[in-house]
Amino acid sequence: MDEKAKVALLSIGSNTFLALGKLAAGLYMGSVSVISEAVHSSLDLVAAVIAFFAVKTAAKPADDRHNYGHGKFENLSSIIEAILILVAGAMIINSAIPKLQGGGQIESLGLGAGVMGVSVLVNLLVSRKLLKTARKMESPALAADGWHLMTDVYTSLGVFAGLGAIYLTGLTILDPIIAIAVALMIFKAAFNLIRESVRSILDVNLPKTEENLIKGILQSYAEEYVEFHDLRTRKAGSDRYVDLHLVVPKYQDINAVHNLCDRIEDDLRAQLPGAQILIHTEPCGGHCEEIGSIK
């Protein structure tokens, strides 16, 4: 099992533990804000399972049906996770609104505070591991899962503070108000995830910094070709795709041209590990002595 899959399994285990603990405490206390956190963790558990299968699928090599590999399964996974977060937020608001009128009785505030404290600690540790691995492996599925848990950290802190405020003031109406605030934070995280994942699904080009890096490497070989054009880039999961047209002198030896392309590709992969590069070479139709005139 690769590193991404192992970290995804860690997320599944932590979310199972926290979802069951929060649900038991919330039902015992009669607290909609604690139950809302249980719902949040339950959806995070579903998201963690999806992320696990996404990273396993994305690691498969290209096949007859997926000629460009399976990287976009990770992007699809992060969109599904974001939709699940939106559902969780809607469920929380639906449970909280009726209690805005009556407030209700909340028992065992200390138990709720303890559960929220454990949740903050566990999710902080696991989310940092997820985000670190996501950056290292460039995994959108693990990044989405990590940000889910970071959202859980913030919302758990909010519920923790709210329970403290209820203890000090006796105002149980703070419970549904906090739950709605939790839901709004969840919505924001979901929209951010959807925005980033849709960019990859729609084949948006690589960031300017990476495209400038590619152009810089091409520039370093400018004395060996005439120009390049039609540079196109995109990303699927952690995989990058780069293709371009390279114009060379009309009568240049084909072996020399092939060697040049190999050296350019090696340098690009050294800076962008795992990049899939396609260079289409074409003979110069004009003044081929003007080598190095990049457009």
Protein backbone atom coordinates (compact mmCIF):
# COMPACT_ATOMS: atom_id res chain seq x y z
CA MET A 1 0.00 0.00 0.00
CA ASP A 2 1.44 3.38 -1.01
CA GLU A 3 1.87 6.39 1.28
CA LYS A 4 -1.27 8.19 0.10
CA ALA A 5 -3.47 5.16 0.77
CA LYS A 6 -1.98 4.67 4.26
CA VAL A 7 -2.69 8.27 5.22
CA ALA A 8 -6.25 7.98 3.83
CA LEU A 9 -6.80 4.93 6.06
CA LEU A 10 -5.60 6.94 9.06
CA SER A 11 -8.29 9.52 8.27
CA ILE A 12 -10.96 6.80 8.08
CA GLY A 13 -9.97 5.49 11.52
CA SER A 14 -9.90 8.89 13.23
CA ASN A 15 -13.22 10.01 11.72
CA THR A 16 -14.95 6.78 12.78
CA PHE A 17 -13.78 7.27 16.36
CA LEU A 18 -14.79 10.94 16.49
CA ALA A 19 -18.16 10.56 14.77
CA LEU A 20 -19.30 7.86 17.20
CA GLY A 21 -17.98 9.76 20.23
CA LYS A 22 -19.65 13.05 19.24
CA LEU A 23 -22.95 11.39 18.40
CA ALA A 24 -23.11 9.56 21.74
CA ALA A 25 -22.23 12.71 23.67
CA GLY A 26 -24.62 14.93 21.68
CA LEU A 27 -27.59 12.59 22.15
CA TYR A 28 -26.87 12.22 25.86
CA MET A 29 -26.56 15.99 26.31
CA GLY A 30 -29.41 16.98 24.01
CA SER A 31 -27.08 19.46 22.28
CA VAL A 32 -27.75 20.24 18.62
CA SER A 33 -24.33 21.87 18.24
CA VAL A 34 -22.55 18.70 19.42
CA ILE A 35 -24.82 16.55 17.23
CA SER A 36 -24.02 18.88 14.33
CA GLU A 37 -20.37 18.11 14.90
CA ALA A 38 -21.19 14.38 14.84
CA VAL A 39 -22.91 14.88 11.47
CA HIS A 40 -19.89 16.81 10.26
CA SER A 41 -17.52 14.01 11.33
CA SER A 42 -19.82 11.38 9.78
CA LEU A 43 -19.65 13.18 6.44
CA ASP A 44 -15.90 13.51 6.88
CA LEU A 45 -15.81 9.73 7.36
CA VAL A 46 -17.66 9.19 4.08
CA ALA A 47 -15.29 11.66 2.42
CA ALA A 48 -12.27 9.83 3.84
CA VAL A 49 -13.54 6.53 2.40
CA ILE A 50 -14.04 8.20 -0.99
CA ALA A 51 -10.55 9.72 -0.79
CA PHE A 52 -9.06 6.30 0.00
CA PHE A 53 -10.59 4.67 -3.07
CA ALA A 54 -9.75 7.74 -5.19
CA VAL A 55 -6.03 7.64 -4.40
CA LYS A 56 -5.98 3.87 -4.95
CA THR A 57 -7.64 4.28 -8.35
CA ALA A 58 -5.52 7.29 -9.35
CA ALA A 59 -2.36 5.24 -8.74
CA LYS A 60 -3.31 2.77 -11.48
CA PRO A 61 -1.36 3.06 -14.74
CA ALA A 62 -2.94 4.17 -18.00
CA ASP A 63 -5.04 1.53 -19.77
CA ASP A 64 -7.12 1.10 -22.93
CA ARG A 65 -10.04 3.12 -21.52
CA HIS A 66 -7.99 5.75 -19.70
CA ASN A 67 -5.11 6.59 -22.03
CA TYR A 68 -4.04 9.55 -19.90
CA GLY A 69 -4.11 7.63 -16.62
CA HIS A 70 -6.55 7.87 -13.70
CA GLY A 71 -5.42 11.12 -12.06
CA LYS A 72 -8.76 12.89 -12.44
CA PHE A 73 -10.41 10.38 -10.11
CA GLU A 74 -8.81 12.43 -7.33
CA ASN A 75 -10.37 15.65 -8.65
CA LEU A 76 -13.75 13.93 -8.94
CA SER A 77 -13.35 12.66 -5.39
CA SER A 78 -12.73 16.15 -4.01
CA ILE A 79 -15.87 17.47 -5.75
CA ILE A 80 -17.97 14.66 -4.26
CA GLU A 81 -16.48 15.39 -0.83
CA ALA A 82 -17.39 19.06 -1.18
CA ILE A 83 -20.97 18.19 -2.10
CA LEU A 84 -21.18 15.97 0.99
CA ILE A 85 -20.02 18.90 3.12
CA LEU A 86 -22.82 21.05 1.67
CA VAL A 87 -25.32 18.33 2.58
CA ALA A 88 -23.93 18.23 6.12
CA GLY A 89 -24.30 22.00 6.44
CA ALA A 90 -27.91 21.87 5.27
CA MET A 91 -28.70 19.11 7.78
CA ILE A 92 -27.15 21.10 10.61
CA ILE A 93 -29.18 24.24 9.80
CA ASN A 94 -32.36 22.17 9.48
CA SER A 95 -31.81 20.77 12.99
CA ALA A 96 -30.82 24.10 14.53
CA ILE A 97 -33.59 26.43 13.28
CA PRO A 98 -36.45 24.86 15.33
CA LYS A 99 -34.36 25.26 18.50
CA LEU A 100 -33.91 28.99 17.94
CA GLN A 101 -37.39 29.48 19.37
CA GLY A 102 -37.22 27.24 22.43
CA GLY A 103 -33.55 26.69 23.16
CA GLY A 104 -34.18 23.49 25.17
CA GLN A 105 -32.24 21.97 28.04
CA ILE A 106 -28.62 20.93 27.68
CA GLU A 107 -27.06 18.51 30.15
CA SER A 108 -23.45 17.54 30.95
CA LEU A 109 -21.70 20.55 29.42
CA GLY A 110 -18.38 19.20 30.75
CA LEU A 111 -18.81 16.00 28.71
CA GLY A 112 -19.43 18.00 25.56
CA ALA A 113 -16.43 20.22 26.19
CA GLY A 114 -14.25 17.14 26.74
CA VAL A 115 -15.41 15.52 23.51
CA MET A 116 -14.78 18.73 21.57
CA GLY A 117 -11.31 19.04 23.10
CA VAL A 118 -10.39 15.49 22.03
CA SER A 119 -11.81 16.19 18.57
CA VAL A 120 -9.66 19.30 18.16
CA LEU A 121 -6.49 17.44 19.14
CA VAL A 122 -7.11 14.34 16.98
CA ASN A 123 -8.23 16.27 13.91
CA LEU A 124 -5.36 18.73 14.18
CA LEU A 125 -2.79 15.92 14.19
CA VAL A 126 -4.46 13.90 11.40
CA SER A 127 -5.19 16.92 9.19
CA ARG A 128 -1.57 18.10 9.41
CA LYS A 129 -0.43 14.63 8.33
CA LEU A 130 -2.95 14.62 5.45
CA LEU A 131 -1.98 18.09 4.21
CA LYS A 132 1.74 17.35 4.49
CA THR A 133 1.33 14.17 2.43
CA ALA A 134 -0.97 15.96 -0.03
CA ARG A 135 1.69 18.62 -0.67
CA LYS A 136 4.42 16.01 -0.99
CA MET A 137 2.43 13.71 -3.32
CA GLU A 138 0.36 16.53 -4.95
CA SER A 139 -2.90 14.76 -4.14
CA PRO A 140 -6.12 16.81 -4.42
CA ALA A 141 -8.11 14.00 -2.76
CA LEU A 142 -5.91 14.03 0.36
CA ALA A 143 -5.84 17.83 0.34
CA ALA A 144 -9.65 17.91 0.33
CA ASP A 145 -9.76 15.41 3.18
CA GLY A 146 -7.17 17.40 5.12
CA TRP A 147 -9.11 20.64 4.75
CA HIS A 148 -12.26 18.83 5.86
CA LEU A 149 -10.55 17.94 9.09
CA MET A 150 -9.12 21.44 9.52
CA THR A 151 -12.67 22.75 9.17
CA ASP A 152 -13.64 20.26 11.88
CA VAL A 153 -10.89 21.69 14.09
CA TYR A 154 -12.28 25.22 13.74
CA THR A 155 -15.90 24.19 14.22
CA SER A 156 -15.06 22.02 17.23
CA LEU A 157 -13.28 24.99 18.78
CA GLY A 158 -16.40 27.06 18.12
CA VAL A 159 -18.66 24.51 19.79
CA PHE A 160 -16.20 24.22 22.69
CA ALA A 161 -16.31 27.99 23.19
CA GLY A 162 -20.10 28.01 22.84
CA LEU A 163 -20.56 25.34 25.50
CA GLY A 164 -18.38 27.44 27.79
CA ALA A 165 -20.57 30.49 27.08
CA ILE A 166 -23.73 28.49 27.85
CA TYR A 167 -22.19 27.33 31.13
CA LEU A 168 -21.36 30.92 32.10
CA THR A 169 -24.58 32.59 30.92
CA GLY A 170 -27.20 29.84 30.98
CA LEU A 171 -28.40 30.97 27.52
CA THR A 172 -29.15 27.67 25.75
CA ILE A 173 -30.20 29.57 22.61
CA LEU A 174 -26.47 29.92 21.96
CA ASP A 175 -26.44 26.20 21.08
CA PRO A 176 -28.42 26.44 17.77
CA ILE A 177 -26.73 29.77 16.95
CA ILE A 178 -23.33 28.08 17.20
CA ALA A 179 -24.59 25.16 15.09
CA ILE A 180 -25.64 27.55 12.32
CA ALA A 181 -22.26 29.28 12.48
CA VAL A 182 -20.63 25.86 12.11
CA ALA A 183 -22.76 25.21 9.02
CA LEU A 184 -21.74 28.51 7.43
CA MET A 185 -18.06 27.68 7.91
CA ILE A 186 -18.71 24.30 6.32
CA PHE A 187 -20.34 25.93 3.29
CA LYS A 188 -17.33 28.18 2.76
CA ALA A 189 -14.92 25.24 2.84
CA ALA A 190 -17.11 23.29 0.40
CA PHE A 191 -17.28 26.11 -2.16
CA ASN A 192 -13.49 26.53 -2.04
CA LEU A 193 -12.98 22.81 -2.68
CA ILE A 194 -15.44 22.77 -5.56
CA ARG A 195 -13.79 25.79 -7.18
CA GLU A 196 -10.30 24.27 -7.09
CA SER A 197 -11.39 20.81 -8.27
CA VAL A 198 -13.52 22.12 -11.13
CA ARG A 199 -10.47 24.00 -12.42
CA SER A 200 -8.64 20.70 -12.91
CA ILE A 201 -11.66 18.89 -14.33
CA LEU A 202 -12.00 21.66 -16.96
CA ASP A 203 -8.29 21.41 -17.88
CA VAL A 204 -7.30 24.88 -16.71
CA ASN A 205 -3.62 25.50 -17.50
CA LEU A 206 -0.87 25.10 -14.91
CA PRO A 207 -0.11 28.05 -12.58
CA LYS A 208 1.88 30.93 -14.08
CA THR A 209 4.89 30.06 -11.93
CA GLU A 210 5.05 26.56 -13.43
CA GLU A 211 4.48 27.78 -16.99
CA ASN A 212 7.25 30.35 -16.53
CA LEU A 213 9.51 27.55 -15.28
CA ILE A 214 8.73 25.56 -18.45
CA LYS A 215 9.49 28.58 -20.64
CA GLY A 216 12.73 29.18 -18.75
CA ILE A 217 13.91 25.63 -19.47
CA LEU A 218 13.01 26.02 -23.14
CA GLN A 219 14.87 29.34 -23.18
CA SER A 220 18.02 27.60 -21.94
CA TYR A 221 18.07 25.60 -25.20
CA ALA A 222 17.24 28.58 -27.42
CA GLU A 223 20.50 28.30 -29.38
CA GLU A 224 19.54 24.84 -30.65
CA TYR A 225 16.16 25.53 -32.29
CA VAL A 226 14.30 28.30 -34.12
CA GLU A 227 11.24 28.85 -31.92
CA PHE A 228 8.49 27.12 -29.98
CA HIS A 229 4.75 27.79 -30.03
CA ASP A 230 1.37 26.33 -29.02
CA LEU A 231 2.52 25.57 -25.47
CA ARG A 232 -0.36 23.88 -23.66
CA THR A 233 -0.50 22.64 -20.06
CA ARG A 234 -3.03 21.01 -17.77
CA LYS A 235 -3.22 18.91 -14.63
CA ALA A 236 -5.09 15.77 -13.60
CA GLY A 237 -4.74 14.77 -9.96
CA SER A 238 -1.00 14.97 -9.30
CA ASP A 239 -0.12 14.44 -12.98
CA ARG A 240 0.92 17.35 -15.20
CA TYR A 241 0.67 17.36 -18.99
CA VAL A 242 2.77 19.60 -21.22
CA ASP A 243 2.77 19.73 -25.01
CA LEU A 244 4.27 22.17 -27.48
CA HIS A 245 5.52 22.62 -31.04
CA LEU A 246 9.27 23.00 -31.51
CA VAL A 247 10.49 24.54 -34.78
CA VAL A 248 13.96 23.34 -35.90
CA PRO A 249 16.13 24.10 -38.97
CA LYS A 250 14.76 22.31 -42.03
CA TYR A 251 17.84 20.17 -42.70
CA GLN A 252 18.89 19.45 -39.13
CA ASP A 253 19.76 15.80 -38.49
CA ILE A 254 16.78 13.90 -37.06
CA ASN A 255 18.95 12.23 -34.41
CA ALA A 256 20.14 15.62 -33.21
CA VAL A 257 16.53 16.84 -33.01
CA HIS A 258 15.50 13.73 -31.08
CA ASN A 259 18.41 14.20 -28.68
CA LEU A 260 17.42 17.83 -28.13
CA CYS A 261 13.82 16.85 -27.28
CA ASP A 262 15.07 14.18 -24.86
CA ARG A 263 17.24 16.71 -23.02
CA ILE A 264 14.39 19.23 -22.79
CA GLU A 265 12.03 16.54 -21.47
CA ASP A 266 14.57 15.35 -18.89
CA ASP A 267 15.03 18.90 -17.58
CA LEU A 268 11.27 19.46 -17.42
CA ARG A 269 10.69 16.22 -15.50
CA ALA A 270 13.50 17.11 -13.10
CA GLN A 271 11.61 20.32 -12.21
CA LEU A 272 8.08 18.88 -12.55
CA PRO A 273 8.33 15.24 -11.39
CA GLY A 274 5.98 12.87 -13.18
CA ALA A 275 5.14 15.33 -15.95
CA GLN A 276 3.89 13.84 -19.22
CA ILE A 277 5.54 15.77 -22.06
CA LEU A 278 4.79 15.73 -25.77
CA ILE A 279 7.00 17.75 -28.14
CA HIS A 280 5.94 17.99 -31.77
CA THR A 281 8.86 19.01 -33.96
CA GLU A 282 8.40 20.75 -37.29
CA PRO A 283 10.85 22.10 -39.91
CA CYS A 284 11.34 25.81 -40.29
CA GLY A 285 9.68 27.18 -43.40
CA GLY A 286 11.46 30.54 -43.47
CA HIS A 287 14.81 31.96 -42.40
CA CYS A 288 16.12 28.96 -40.50
CA GLU A 289 19.35 30.67 -39.63
CA GLU A 290 17.40 32.74 -37.04
CA ILE A 291 17.85 30.20 -34.28
CA GLY A 292 16.77 31.35 -30.85
CA SER A 293 13.89 33.66 -31.84
CA ILE A 294 11.30 32.42 -29.37
CA LYS A 295 7.75 33.60 -29.80
